[in-house]
Amino acid sequence: MVLNWNCTDTKEQYVLTLENGALNHTAHKQAKDADATVTLTRAALNEVILGQASLDAKIDAGEIKIEGKKEKLKELFSLMDKFDNRFNIVTP
């Protein structure tokens, strides 16, 4: 899977490549053969990552725009692990 990633507020561009279970990124680049191009703000990304908003809600609100295969972005987010944020850092 190859995704172009554009953060409009920070002016950052990345190519995300998911291959053999490893997610890699390359800054300041865009792939010509990307499955999709995602355009969003860092705030929208943070809200989705932190669980404050769903990916679908941000897409429906127009805060996340996708050109190409929308299902590839959904697949990427579905592969992310979810952790309990109240775990012990130091155990007795």
Protein backbone atom coordinates (compact mmCIF):
# COMPACT_ATOMS: atom_id res chain seq x y z
CA MET A 1 0.00 0.00 0.00
CA VAL A 2 1.30 3.46 -0.91
CA LEU A 3 -0.33 6.67 0.32
CA ASN A 4 0.58 10.29 -0.36
CA TRP A 5 0.08 12.35 2.80
CA ASN A 6 -0.35 16.14 2.75
CA CYS A 7 -0.71 18.21 5.95
CA THR A 8 -2.05 21.57 4.83
CA ASP A 9 -1.35 23.56 8.00
CA THR A 10 2.24 22.37 8.54
CA LYS A 11 3.07 22.21 4.81
CA GLU A 12 4.42 18.67 5.25
CA GLN A 13 4.30 15.99 2.57
CA TYR A 14 5.05 12.31 3.00
CA VAL A 15 4.83 9.05 1.15
CA LEU A 16 3.66 6.25 3.45
CA THR A 17 4.48 2.73 2.35
CA LEU A 18 3.07 -0.33 4.10
CA GLU A 19 4.85 -3.47 3.02
CA ASN A 20 5.37 -6.80 4.79
CA GLY A 21 3.88 -5.40 8.01
CA ALA A 22 6.27 -2.42 8.14
CA LEU A 23 5.08 1.17 7.78
CA ASN A 24 7.74 3.49 6.34
CA HIS A 25 7.59 7.15 5.46
CA THR A 26 9.58 9.44 3.20
CA ALA A 27 9.39 13.18 3.85
CA HIS A 28 9.13 15.89 1.18
CA LYS A 29 8.01 13.45 -1.49
CA GLN A 30 4.89 12.21 -3.32
CA ALA A 31 4.52 8.94 -5.21
CA LYS A 32 3.15 8.91 -8.74
CA ASP A 33 1.69 5.40 -8.26
CA ALA A 34 0.04 6.00 -4.86
CA ASP A 35 -3.16 4.13 -4.02
CA ALA A 36 -4.57 7.35 -2.54
CA THR A 37 -3.65 10.92 -1.68
CA VAL A 38 -4.77 12.13 1.76
CA THR A 39 -5.07 15.85 2.52
CA LEU A 40 -5.74 16.97 6.08
CA THR A 41 -4.61 19.18 8.94
CA ARG A 42 -2.45 17.95 11.78
CA ALA A 43 -5.32 18.76 14.18
CA ALA A 44 -7.70 16.46 12.27
CA LEU A 45 -5.12 13.66 12.31
CA ASN A 46 -4.54 14.11 16.05
CA GLU A 47 -8.28 13.93 16.78
CA VAL A 48 -8.59 10.65 14.87
CA ILE A 49 -5.47 9.13 16.42
CA LEU A 50 -6.53 10.13 19.95
CA GLY A 51 -10.03 8.72 19.41
CA GLN A 52 -11.70 12.13 19.80
CA ALA A 53 -13.29 11.76 16.35
CA SER A 54 -13.81 8.92 13.92
CA LEU A 55 -12.10 8.76 10.56
CA ASP A 56 -15.49 8.62 8.81
CA ALA A 57 -16.73 11.71 10.68
CA LYS A 58 -13.68 13.72 9.60
CA ILE A 59 -14.06 12.55 6.00
CA ASP A 60 -17.79 13.39 5.99
CA ALA A 61 -17.05 16.84 7.46
CA GLY A 62 -14.53 17.49 4.68
CA GLU A 63 -11.64 17.82 7.12
CA ILE A 64 -9.91 14.81 5.57
CA LYS A 65 -9.95 14.62 1.77
CA ILE A 66 -9.03 11.47 -0.13
CA GLU A 67 -8.28 11.17 -3.82
CA GLY A 68 -8.06 7.59 -5.02
CA LYS A 69 -8.91 4.46 -3.06
CA LYS A 70 -10.59 5.57 0.18
CA GLU A 71 -10.58 1.98 1.46
CA LYS A 72 -6.75 1.99 1.57
CA LEU A 73 -6.75 4.75 4.22
CA LYS A 74 -9.39 2.87 6.20
CA GLU A 75 -7.32 -0.30 5.91
CA LEU A 76 -4.25 1.51 7.25
CA PHE A 77 -6.13 2.80 10.30
CA SER A 78 -7.70 -0.63 10.90
CA LEU A 79 -4.22 -2.14 11.21
CA MET A 80 -3.13 0.21 14.00
CA ASP A 81 -2.96 -1.32 17.47
CA LYS A 82 -5.10 0.15 20.21
CA PHE A 83 -3.47 0.46 23.62
CA ASP A 84 -4.82 1.12 27.09
CA ASN A 85 -3.39 4.54 27.93
CA ARG A 86 -3.55 3.82 31.66
CA PHE A 87 -0.86 1.15 31.84
CA ASN A 88 1.84 1.10 34.53
CA ILE A 89 5.09 2.59 33.32
CA VAL A 90 6.96 1.27 36.35
CA THR A 91 5.81 -1.86 38.11
CA PRO A 92 6.69 -2.73 41.70
